Amino acid sequence: MTIEQSPTHSDDVRNVYDGFGRVYGSVWGPNIHYGYWENDADDSSVEVATDRLTDLMISGLGAQAGQRVLDIGCGIGHPARRLVRASEANVVGITISHIQAAEATEHTAEAGLADRATFQFADAMDMPFPDASFDAAWAFESMWHMPDRGQVLSETARVLRPGGRLAIADVIQRDPISPEGQVVLDHICENYGVSSLGTVDEYRTALAANGFVDVEIRDITDNVIRTLGLMADAFETVRDKLADVVGKEQADSLIDFVRRFGSIPESGYLYLTAVRA
């Protein structure tokens, strides 16, 4: 059965990463995700902190040499290449952006890793892979773009072999929600290709419903939330370039809401691992 994803939503996500996301990547670096700092005194650079979060995901996945790993929402493939180097696993990355798939393929060839990592256009809601064809999978800040997390987890469970590990890093919503927090969350969802912000409880329910066991969830908001202020600062340095891509009003709004998103208590982040039963 084919799951129809909203064309409007798919276009929104592509526009985020094919449009101003490319400007963002030019100032943030190849890791298009949050960073992880050990504590408030940690003065690590964005490059070090974002690699540290990737390493946390690699550790949770526990992939072994020769295993086949699915990267759900692979971006331009930087975390996948780090995973390949660290574990000698083979990675298949999927994205709904043809531009990202092409860039990931190009960068991976340049890195001499084309025989270990491949990237393709595919919908995580309806994956073009046989049952039980992967040893492990991760979704690195891609789940908040999915129209139906439960369907993605169902598809992930289908393509994972029994005993296969899953790791997820995702932006989440923490309760209770204040009026100000709701305004910010609604704006993020309406403008940046985000379907909704899930919660820890929703993840536990969806994982159990799709046959995942040994679930371990950590709220690592305190370690990553610094990202948003730094990201807003980075956007400030390319405000004119952003305005050229999305318009001045949208550029100003983006910077403002990224900063506000990092300051509200409702903005959270989880890291989880689970096993396909």
C-alpha atoms as a PDB file:
ATOM      1  CA  MET A   1       0.000   0.000   0.000  1.00  0.00           C
ATOM      2  CA  THR A   2       1.385   3.408  -0.937  1.00  0.00           C
ATOM      3  CA  ILE A   3       1.078   6.111   1.704  1.00  0.00           C
ATOM      4  CA  GLU A   4       0.336   9.432   0.066  1.00  0.00           C
ATOM      5  CA  GLN A   5       2.337  12.250   1.601  1.00  0.00           C
ATOM      6  CA  SER A   6       0.888  15.731   1.273  1.00  0.00           C
ATOM      7  CA  PRO A   7       2.461  17.340  -1.819  1.00  0.00           C
ATOM      8  CA  THR A   8       2.298  20.681  -0.059  1.00  0.00           C
ATOM      9  CA  HIS A   9       4.154  19.326   2.948  1.00  0.00           C
ATOM     10  CA  SER A  10       6.802  17.626   0.798  1.00  0.00           C
ATOM     11  CA  ASP A  11       7.325  20.854  -1.106  1.00  0.00           C
ATOM     12  CA  ASP A  12       7.625  22.785   2.157  1.00  0.00           C
ATOM     13  CA  VAL A  13      10.353  20.476   3.451  1.00  0.00           C
ATOM     14  CA  ARG A  14      12.250  20.602   0.156  1.00  0.00           C
ATOM     15  CA  ASN A  15      12.023  24.376   0.067  1.00  0.00           C
ATOM     16  CA  VAL A  16      13.479  24.610   3.567  1.00  0.00           C
ATOM     17  CA  TYR A  17      16.584  22.626   2.667  1.00  0.00           C
ATOM     18  CA  ASP A  18      16.925  23.545  -0.993  1.00  0.00           C
ATOM     19  CA  GLY A  19      16.300  27.233  -0.267  1.00  0.00           C
ATOM     20  CA  PHE A  20      17.456  29.083   2.838  1.00  0.00           C
ATOM     21  CA  GLY A  21      18.819  25.832   4.287  1.00  0.00           C
ATOM     22  CA  ARG A  22      21.641  26.061   1.775  1.00  0.00           C
ATOM     23  CA  VAL A  23      22.487  29.544   2.998  1.00  0.00           C
ATOM     24  CA  TYR A  24      22.313  28.240   6.563  1.00  0.00           C
ATOM     25  CA  GLY A  25      24.678  25.406   5.697  1.00  0.00           C
ATOM     26  CA  SER A  26      27.182  27.884   4.296  1.00  0.00           C
ATOM     27  CA  VAL A  27      27.601  29.546   7.694  1.00  0.00           C
ATOM     28  CA  TRP A  28      26.781  26.659  10.046  1.00  0.00           C
ATOM     29  CA  GLY A  29      28.841  23.948   8.390  1.00  0.00           C
ATOM     30  CA  PRO A  30      28.189  20.510   6.898  1.00  0.00           C
ATOM     31  CA  ASN A  31      26.412  19.191  10.009  1.00  0.00           C
ATOM     32  CA  ILE A  32      22.897  20.518   9.456  1.00  0.00           C
ATOM     33  CA  HIS A  33      21.815  19.704  12.993  1.00  0.00           C
ATOM     34  CA  TYR A  34      22.120  20.764  16.623  1.00  0.00           C
ATOM     35  CA  GLY A  35      25.330  20.615  18.624  1.00  0.00           C
ATOM     36  CA  TYR A  36      25.944  18.893  21.963  1.00  0.00           C
ATOM     37  CA  TRP A  37      27.792  20.650  24.789  1.00  0.00           C
ATOM     38  CA  GLU A  38      28.748  18.774  27.953  1.00  0.00           C
ATOM     39  CA  ASN A  39      27.781  21.613  30.309  1.00  0.00           C
ATOM     40  CA  ASP A  40      27.447  25.398  30.505  1.00  0.00           C
ATOM     41  CA  ALA A  41      31.223  25.779  30.831  1.00  0.00           C
ATOM     42  CA  ASP A  42      31.884  23.825  27.631  1.00  0.00           C
ATOM     43  CA  ASP A  43      33.154  26.336  25.053  1.00  0.00           C
ATOM     44  CA  SER A  44      33.453  23.885  22.166  1.00  0.00           C
ATOM     45  CA  SER A  45      32.998  25.256  18.662  1.00  0.00           C
ATOM     46  CA  VAL A  46      29.879  24.496  16.637  1.00  0.00           C
ATOM     47  CA  GLU A  47      31.913  22.076  14.507  1.00  0.00           C
ATOM     48  CA  VAL A  48      33.075  20.125  17.560  1.00  0.00           C
ATOM     49  CA  ALA A  49      29.639  20.192  19.219  1.00  0.00           C
ATOM     50  CA  THR A  50      27.775  19.017  16.115  1.00  0.00           C
ATOM     51  CA  ASP A  51      30.268  16.199  15.560  1.00  0.00           C
ATOM     52  CA  ARG A  52      29.813  15.259  19.226  1.00  0.00           C
ATOM     53  CA  LEU A  53      26.075  14.825  18.712  1.00  0.00           C
ATOM     54  CA  THR A  54      26.776  12.675  15.654  1.00  0.00           C
ATOM     55  CA  ASP A  55      29.136  10.564  17.759  1.00  0.00           C
ATOM     56  CA  LEU A  56      26.396  10.095  20.354  1.00  0.00           C
ATOM     57  CA  MET A  57      24.143   8.755  17.606  1.00  0.00           C
ATOM     58  CA  ILE A  58      26.926   6.494  16.302  1.00  0.00           C
ATOM     59  CA  SER A  59      27.487   5.115  19.787  1.00  0.00           C
ATOM     60  CA  GLY A  60      23.781   4.424  20.288  1.00  0.00           C
ATOM     61  CA  LEU A  61      23.476   2.662  16.958  1.00  0.00           C
ATOM     62  CA  GLY A  62      26.398   0.333  17.648  1.00  0.00           C
ATOM     63  CA  ALA A  63      26.781  -0.545  13.964  1.00  0.00           C
ATOM     64  CA  GLN A  64      29.439  -3.107  13.059  1.00  0.00           C
ATOM     65  CA  ALA A  65      31.709  -3.432  10.039  1.00  0.00           C
ATOM     66  CA  GLY A  66      29.811  -4.685   7.013  1.00  0.00           C
ATOM     67  CA  GLN A  67      26.352  -4.073   8.456  1.00  0.00           C
ATOM     68  CA  ARG A  68      23.774  -2.185   6.412  1.00  0.00           C
ATOM     69  CA  VAL A  69      22.471   1.036   7.998  1.00  0.00           C
ATOM     70  CA  LEU A  70      19.540   3.169   6.841  1.00  0.00           C
ATOM     71  CA  ASP A  71      19.881   6.944   7.236  1.00  0.00           C
ATOM     72  CA  ILE A  72      16.338   8.363   7.285  1.00  0.00           C
ATOM     73  CA  GLY A  73      16.530  11.982   6.137  1.00  0.00           C
ATOM     74  CA  CYS A  74      20.219  11.961   5.249  1.00  0.00           C
ATOM     75  CA  GLY A  75      20.719  15.617   4.317  1.00  0.00           C
ATOM     76  CA  ILE A  76      23.994  16.069   2.467  1.00  0.00           C
ATOM     77  CA  GLY A  77      25.446  12.984   4.115  1.00  0.00           C
ATOM     78  CA  HIS A  78      28.008  14.371   6.553  1.00  0.00           C
ATOM     79  CA  PRO A  79      26.843  12.297   9.562  1.00  0.00           C
ATOM     80  CA  ALA A  80      26.589   9.215   7.322  1.00  0.00           C
ATOM     81  CA  ARG A  81      30.190   9.613   6.228  1.00  0.00           C
ATOM     82  CA  ARG A  82      31.306   9.972   9.839  1.00  0.00           C
ATOM     83  CA  LEU A  83      29.366   6.803  10.674  1.00  0.00           C
ATOM     84  CA  VAL A  84      31.043   4.924   7.818  1.00  0.00           C
ATOM     85  CA  ARG A  85      34.490   5.987   8.962  1.00  0.00           C
ATOM     86  CA  ALA A  86      33.794   5.123  12.601  1.00  0.00           C
ATOM     87  CA  SER A  87      32.125   1.750  12.098  1.00  0.00           C
ATOM     88  CA  GLU A  88      32.995   0.562   8.569  1.00  0.00           C
ATOM     89  CA  ALA A  89      29.282  -0.082   8.094  1.00  0.00           C
ATOM     90  CA  ASN A  90      27.534   0.450   4.756  1.00  0.00           C
ATOM     91  CA  VAL A  91      24.997   3.290   4.717  1.00  0.00           C
ATOM     92  CA  VAL A  92      21.988   3.950   2.512  1.00  0.00           C
ATOM     93  CA  GLY A  93      20.666   7.481   2.930  1.00  0.00           C
ATOM     94  CA  ILE A  94      17.220   8.665   1.842  1.00  0.00           C
ATOM     95  CA  THR A  95      15.857  12.179   1.392  1.00  0.00           C
ATOM     96  CA  ILE A  96      12.942  13.882  -0.386  1.00  0.00           C
ATOM     97  CA  SER A  97      15.362  16.470  -1.784  1.00  0.00           C
ATOM     98  CA  HIS A  98      16.952  15.582  -5.123  1.00  0.00           C
ATOM     99  CA  ILE A  99      19.475  18.365  -4.511  1.00  0.00           C
ATOM    100  CA  GLN A 100      20.532  16.886  -1.170  1.00  0.00           C
ATOM    101  CA  ALA A 101      20.815  13.386  -2.624  1.00  0.00           C
ATOM    102  CA  ALA A 102      23.036  14.694  -5.431  1.00  0.00           C
ATOM    103  CA  GLU A 103      25.229  16.719  -3.062  1.00  0.00           C
ATOM    104  CA  ALA A 104      25.562  13.816  -0.633  1.00  0.00           C
ATOM    105  CA  THR A 105      26.593  11.535  -3.492  1.00  0.00           C
ATOM    106  CA  GLU A 106      29.130  14.046  -4.789  1.00  0.00           C
ATOM    107  CA  HIS A 107      30.700  14.749  -1.382  1.00  0.00           C
ATOM    108  CA  THR A 108      30.876  11.042  -0.597  1.00  0.00           C
ATOM    109  CA  ALA A 109      32.663  10.307  -3.867  1.00  0.00           C
ATOM    110  CA  GLU A 110      35.122  13.111  -3.133  1.00  0.00           C
ATOM    111  CA  ALA A 111      35.762  11.540   0.273  1.00  0.00           C
ATOM    112  CA  GLY A 112      36.500   8.181  -1.327  1.00  0.00           C
ATOM    113  CA  LEU A 113      33.547   6.514   0.386  1.00  0.00           C
ATOM    114  CA  ALA A 114      31.195   5.930  -2.566  1.00  0.00           C
ATOM    115  CA  ASP A 115      31.516   2.172  -2.157  1.00  0.00           C
ATOM    116  CA  ARG A 116      30.296   2.407   1.457  1.00  0.00           C
ATOM    117  CA  ALA A 117      27.566   5.041   1.352  1.00  0.00           C
ATOM    118  CA  THR A 118      24.852   5.734  -1.227  1.00  0.00           C
ATOM    119  CA  PHE A 119      22.044   8.281  -1.255  1.00  0.00           C
ATOM    120  CA  GLN A 120      18.728   8.343  -3.051  1.00  0.00           C
ATOM    121  CA  PHE A 121      15.426  10.134  -3.343  1.00  0.00           C
ATOM    122  CA  ALA A 122      12.832   8.234  -1.301  1.00  0.00           C
ATOM    123  CA  ASP A 123       9.900   8.853   1.016  1.00  0.00           C
ATOM    124  CA  ALA A 124      10.365   7.595   4.582  1.00  0.00           C
ATOM    125  CA  MET A 125       6.598   7.051   4.763  1.00  0.00           C
ATOM    126  CA  ASP A 126       6.791   4.472   1.961  1.00  0.00           C
ATOM    127  CA  MET A 127      10.313   3.079   1.707  1.00  0.00           C
ATOM    128  CA  PRO A 128      11.401   1.280  -1.474  1.00  0.00           C
ATOM    129  CA  PHE A 129      13.247  -1.493   0.380  1.00  0.00           C
ATOM    130  CA  PRO A 130      12.479  -5.159   1.051  1.00  0.00           C
ATOM    131  CA  ASP A 131      11.473  -6.373   4.488  1.00  0.00           C
ATOM    132  CA  ALA A 132      14.307  -7.010   6.959  1.00  0.00           C
ATOM    133  CA  SER A 133      16.956  -5.534   4.651  1.00  0.00           C
ATOM    134  CA  PHE A 134      18.833  -3.355   7.188  1.00  0.00           C
ATOM    135  CA  ASP A 135      20.755  -4.112  10.366  1.00  0.00           C
ATOM    136  CA  ALA A 136      20.254  -0.655  11.889  1.00  0.00           C
ATOM    137  CA  ALA A 137      18.649   2.711  11.188  1.00  0.00           C
ATOM    138  CA  TRP A 138      18.757   6.253  12.429  1.00  0.00           C
ATOM    139  CA  ALA A 139      16.676   9.381  11.997  1.00  0.00           C
ATOM    140  CA  PHE A 140      18.813  12.413  12.758  1.00  0.00           C
ATOM    141  CA  GLU A 141      16.540  15.465  13.192  1.00  0.00           C
ATOM    142  CA  SER A 142      14.294  14.302  10.371  1.00  0.00           C
ATOM    143  CA  MET A 143      11.277  12.999  12.291  1.00  0.00           C
ATOM    144  CA  TRP A 144       9.798  16.415  13.006  1.00  0.00           C
ATOM    145  CA  HIS A 145       9.344  16.831   9.261  1.00  0.00           C
ATOM    146  CA  MET A 146       7.321  13.627   8.937  1.00  0.00           C
ATOM    147  CA  PRO A 147       3.540  13.923   8.510  1.00  0.00           C
ATOM    148  CA  ASP A 148       3.067  10.680  10.493  1.00  0.00           C
ATOM    149  CA  ARG A 149       5.844   9.516  12.843  1.00  0.00           C
ATOM    150  CA  GLY A 150       3.987   6.292  13.520  1.00  0.00           C
ATOM    151  CA  GLN A 151       3.974   5.414   9.812  1.00  0.00           C
ATOM    152  CA  VAL A 152       7.702   6.125   9.551  1.00  0.00           C
ATOM    153  CA  LEU A 153       8.366   3.914  12.579  1.00  0.00           C
ATOM    154  CA  SER A 154       6.172   1.216  11.024  1.00  0.00           C
ATOM    155  CA  GLU A 155       8.179   1.358   7.806  1.00  0.00           C
ATOM    156  CA  THR A 156      11.432   1.388   9.775  1.00  0.00           C
ATOM    157  CA  ALA A 157      10.369  -1.683  11.727  1.00  0.00           C
ATOM    158  CA  ARG A 158       9.474  -3.399   8.450  1.00  0.00           C
ATOM    159  CA  VAL A 159      12.872  -2.848   6.820  1.00  0.00           C
ATOM    160  CA  LEU A 160      14.878  -3.625   9.971  1.00  0.00           C
ATOM    161  CA  ARG A 161      15.917  -7.158  10.761  1.00  0.00           C
ATOM    162  CA  PRO A 162      14.828  -8.530  14.169  1.00  0.00           C
ATOM    163  CA  GLY A 163      17.348  -7.295  16.708  1.00  0.00           C
ATOM    164  CA  GLY A 164      18.200  -4.276  14.563  1.00  0.00           C
ATOM    165  CA  ARG A 165      18.903  -1.081  16.442  1.00  0.00           C
ATOM    166  CA  LEU A 166      17.269   2.307  15.929  1.00  0.00           C
ATOM    167  CA  ALA A 167      18.606   5.693  17.057  1.00  0.00           C
ATOM    168  CA  ILE A 168      16.660   8.946  16.855  1.00  0.00           C
ATOM    169  CA  ALA A 169      17.582  12.537  17.653  1.00  0.00           C
ATOM    170  CA  ASP A 170      14.611  14.865  17.413  1.00  0.00           C
ATOM    171  CA  VAL A 171      13.336  18.284  18.348  1.00  0.00           C
ATOM    172  CA  ILE A 172      10.337  17.836  20.653  1.00  0.00           C
ATOM    173  CA  GLN A 173       7.670  19.759  22.521  1.00  0.00           C
ATOM    174  CA  ARG A 174       7.732  19.877  26.305  1.00  0.00           C
ATOM    175  CA  ASP A 175       4.657  20.581  28.406  1.00  0.00           C
ATOM    176  CA  PRO A 176       2.972  22.637  29.659  1.00  0.00           C
ATOM    177  CA  ILE A 177       2.450  25.023  26.756  1.00  0.00           C
ATOM    178  CA  SER A 178       2.209  28.745  27.462  1.00  0.00           C
ATOM    179  CA  PRO A 179       0.441  31.180  25.098  1.00  0.00           C
ATOM    180  CA  GLU A 180       3.823  32.597  24.014  1.00  0.00           C
ATOM    181  CA  GLY A 181       5.215  29.111  23.518  1.00  0.00           C
ATOM    182  CA  GLN A 182       2.232  28.139  21.393  1.00  0.00           C
ATOM    183  CA  VAL A 183       2.761  31.150  19.133  1.00  0.00           C
ATOM    184  CA  VAL A 184       6.386  30.169  18.559  1.00  0.00           C
ATOM    185  CA  LEU A 185       5.624  26.469  18.036  1.00  0.00           C
ATOM    186  CA  ASP A 186       2.808  27.268  15.596  1.00  0.00           C
ATOM    187  CA  HIS A 187       5.091  29.584  13.622  1.00  0.00           C
ATOM    188  CA  ILE A 188       7.824  26.922  13.384  1.00  0.00           C
ATOM    189  CA  CYS A 189       5.335  24.337  12.134  1.00  0.00           C
ATOM    190  CA  GLU A 190       3.692  26.680   9.635  1.00  0.00           C
ATOM    191  CA  ASN A 191       6.854  28.061   8.063  1.00  0.00           C
ATOM    192  CA  TYR A 192       9.726  25.567   8.210  1.00  0.00           C
ATOM    193  CA  GLY A 193       8.482  22.249   6.895  1.00  0.00           C
ATOM    194  CA  VAL A 194       7.677  20.905  10.353  1.00  0.00           C
ATOM    195  CA  SER A 195       4.541  18.768  10.651  1.00  0.00           C
ATOM    196  CA  SER A 196       4.378  18.811  14.437  1.00  0.00           C
ATOM    197  CA  LEU A 197       6.565  18.582  17.487  1.00  0.00           C
ATOM    198  CA  GLY A 198       6.201  15.224  19.196  1.00  0.00           C
ATOM    199  CA  THR A 199       6.566  14.475  22.889  1.00  0.00           C
ATOM    200  CA  VAL A 200       8.418  11.832  24.867  1.00  0.00           C
ATOM    201  CA  ASP A 201       5.140  10.068  25.712  1.00  0.00           C
ATOM    202  CA  GLU A 202       4.080  10.009  22.062  1.00  0.00           C
ATOM    203  CA  TYR A 203       7.397   8.445  21.110  1.00  0.00           C
ATOM    204  CA  ARG A 204       7.076   5.741  23.765  1.00  0.00           C
ATOM    205  CA  THR A 205       3.584   4.873  22.554  1.00  0.00           C
ATOM    206  CA  ALA A 206       4.525   4.820  18.858  1.00  0.00           C
ATOM    207  CA  LEU A 207       7.670   2.757  19.409  1.00  0.00           C
ATOM    208  CA  ALA A 208       5.793   0.135  21.431  1.00  0.00           C
ATOM    209  CA  ALA A 209       2.993   0.014  18.852  1.00  0.00           C
ATOM    210  CA  ASN A 210       5.509  -0.756  16.110  1.00  0.00           C
ATOM    211  CA  GLY A 211       7.376  -3.544  17.835  1.00  0.00           C
ATOM    212  CA  PHE A 212      10.349  -1.714  19.315  1.00  0.00           C
ATOM    213  CA  VAL A 213      11.660  -2.831  22.702  1.00  0.00           C
ATOM    214  CA  ASP A 214      14.512  -1.909  25.047  1.00  0.00           C
ATOM    215  CA  VAL A 215      13.604   1.731  24.524  1.00  0.00           C
ATOM    216  CA  GLU A 216      15.896   4.251  26.186  1.00  0.00           C
ATOM    217  CA  ILE A 217      14.991   7.934  25.948  1.00  0.00           C
ATOM    218  CA  ARG A 218      17.087  10.853  27.197  1.00  0.00           C
ATOM    219  CA  ASP A 219      15.978  14.455  27.288  1.00  0.00           C
ATOM    220  CA  ILE A 220      19.182  16.261  26.287  1.00  0.00           C
ATOM    221  CA  THR A 221      17.654  19.713  25.883  1.00  0.00           C
ATOM    222  CA  ASP A 222      20.100  21.324  28.307  1.00  0.00           C
ATOM    223  CA  ASN A 223      23.030  20.013  26.260  1.00  0.00           C
ATOM    224  CA  VAL A 224      21.801  21.200  22.869  1.00  0.00           C
ATOM    225  CA  ILE A 225      19.584  24.258  23.355  1.00  0.00           C
ATOM    226  CA  ARG A 226      22.546  26.617  22.987  1.00  0.00           C
ATOM    227  CA  THR A 227      22.407  25.718  19.296  1.00  0.00           C
ATOM    228  CA  LEU A 228      19.474  27.985  18.574  1.00  0.00           C
ATOM    229  CA  GLY A 229      21.058  31.179  19.846  1.00  0.00           C
ATOM    230  CA  LEU A 230      24.243  30.414  17.937  1.00  0.00           C
ATOM    231  CA  MET A 231      22.205  29.582  14.854  1.00  0.00           C
ATOM    232  CA  ALA A 232      20.386  32.920  15.065  1.00  0.00           C
ATOM    233  CA  ASP A 233      23.772  34.651  15.352  1.00  0.00           C
ATOM    234  CA  ALA A 234      24.964  32.777  12.253  1.00  0.00           C
ATOM    235  CA  PHE A 235      21.852  33.813  10.328  1.00  0.00           C
ATOM    236  CA  GLU A 236      22.488  37.430  11.346  1.00  0.00           C
ATOM    237  CA  THR A 237      25.809  37.336   9.477  1.00  0.00           C
ATOM    238  CA  VAL A 238      24.057  36.377   6.225  1.00  0.00           C
ATOM    239  CA  ARG A 239      20.832  38.337   6.675  1.00  0.00           C
ATOM    240  CA  ASP A 240      21.177  39.940   3.223  1.00  0.00           C
ATOM    241  CA  LYS A 241      21.723  36.568   1.526  1.00  0.00           C
ATOM    242  CA  LEU A 242      18.705  35.161   3.333  1.00  0.00           C
ATOM    243  CA  ALA A 243      16.646  38.148   2.211  1.00  0.00           C
ATOM    244  CA  ASP A 244      17.665  37.467  -1.387  1.00  0.00           C
ATOM    245  CA  VAL A 245      16.344  33.896  -1.055  1.00  0.00           C
ATOM    246  CA  VAL A 246      13.180  34.328   1.016  1.00  0.00           C
ATOM    247  CA  GLY A 247      12.574  38.083   1.195  1.00  0.00           C
ATOM    248  CA  LYS A 248      13.504  40.590   3.897  1.00  0.00           C
ATOM    249  CA  GLU A 249      10.382  40.065   6.013  1.00  0.00           C
ATOM    250  CA  GLN A 250      10.811  36.292   6.056  1.00  0.00           C
ATOM    251  CA  ALA A 251      14.540  36.592   6.808  1.00  0.00           C
ATOM    252  CA  ASP A 252      13.856  38.894   9.760  1.00  0.00           C
ATOM    253  CA  SER A 253      11.108  36.570  10.991  1.00  0.00           C
ATOM    254  CA  LEU A 254      13.369  33.522  10.688  1.00  0.00           C
ATOM    255  CA  ILE A 255      16.107  35.042  12.822  1.00  0.00           C
ATOM    256  CA  ASP A 256      13.619  36.285  15.407  1.00  0.00           C
ATOM    257  CA  PHE A 257      11.777  32.988  15.759  1.00  0.00           C
ATOM    258  CA  VAL A 258      14.930  30.839  15.877  1.00  0.00           C
ATOM    259  CA  ARG A 259      16.115  32.964  18.798  1.00  0.00           C
ATOM    260  CA  ARG A 260      12.706  32.812  20.490  1.00  0.00           C
ATOM    261  CA  PHE A 261      12.477  29.060  19.923  1.00  0.00           C
ATOM    262  CA  GLY A 262      15.706  28.669  21.865  1.00  0.00           C
ATOM    263  CA  SER A 263      14.403  30.655  24.820  1.00  0.00           C
ATOM    264  CA  ILE A 264      11.002  29.069  25.500  1.00  0.00           C
ATOM    265  CA  PRO A 265      10.749  26.124  27.949  1.00  0.00           C
ATOM    266  CA  GLU A 266       8.505  24.249  25.534  1.00  0.00           C
ATOM    267  CA  SER A 267      11.421  23.733  23.134  1.00  0.00           C
ATOM    268  CA  GLY A 268      12.995  20.350  23.859  1.00  0.00           C
ATOM    269  CA  TYR A 269      15.227  17.685  22.344  1.00  0.00           C
ATOM    270  CA  LEU A 270      15.434  13.938  22.815  1.00  0.00           C
ATOM    271  CA  TYR A 271      17.876  11.202  22.008  1.00  0.00           C
ATOM    272  CA  LEU A 272      16.578   7.650  21.963  1.00  0.00           C
ATOM    273  CA  THR A 273      17.634   4.145  21.113  1.00  0.00           C
ATOM    274  CA  ALA A 274      15.462   1.061  20.633  1.00  0.00           C
ATOM    275  CA  VAL A 275      15.628  -2.481  19.297  1.00  0.00           C
ATOM    276  CA  ARG A 276      13.405  -4.100  16.674  1.00  0.00           C
ATOM    277  CA  ALA A 277      11.816  -7.085  18.430  1.00  0.00           C
END
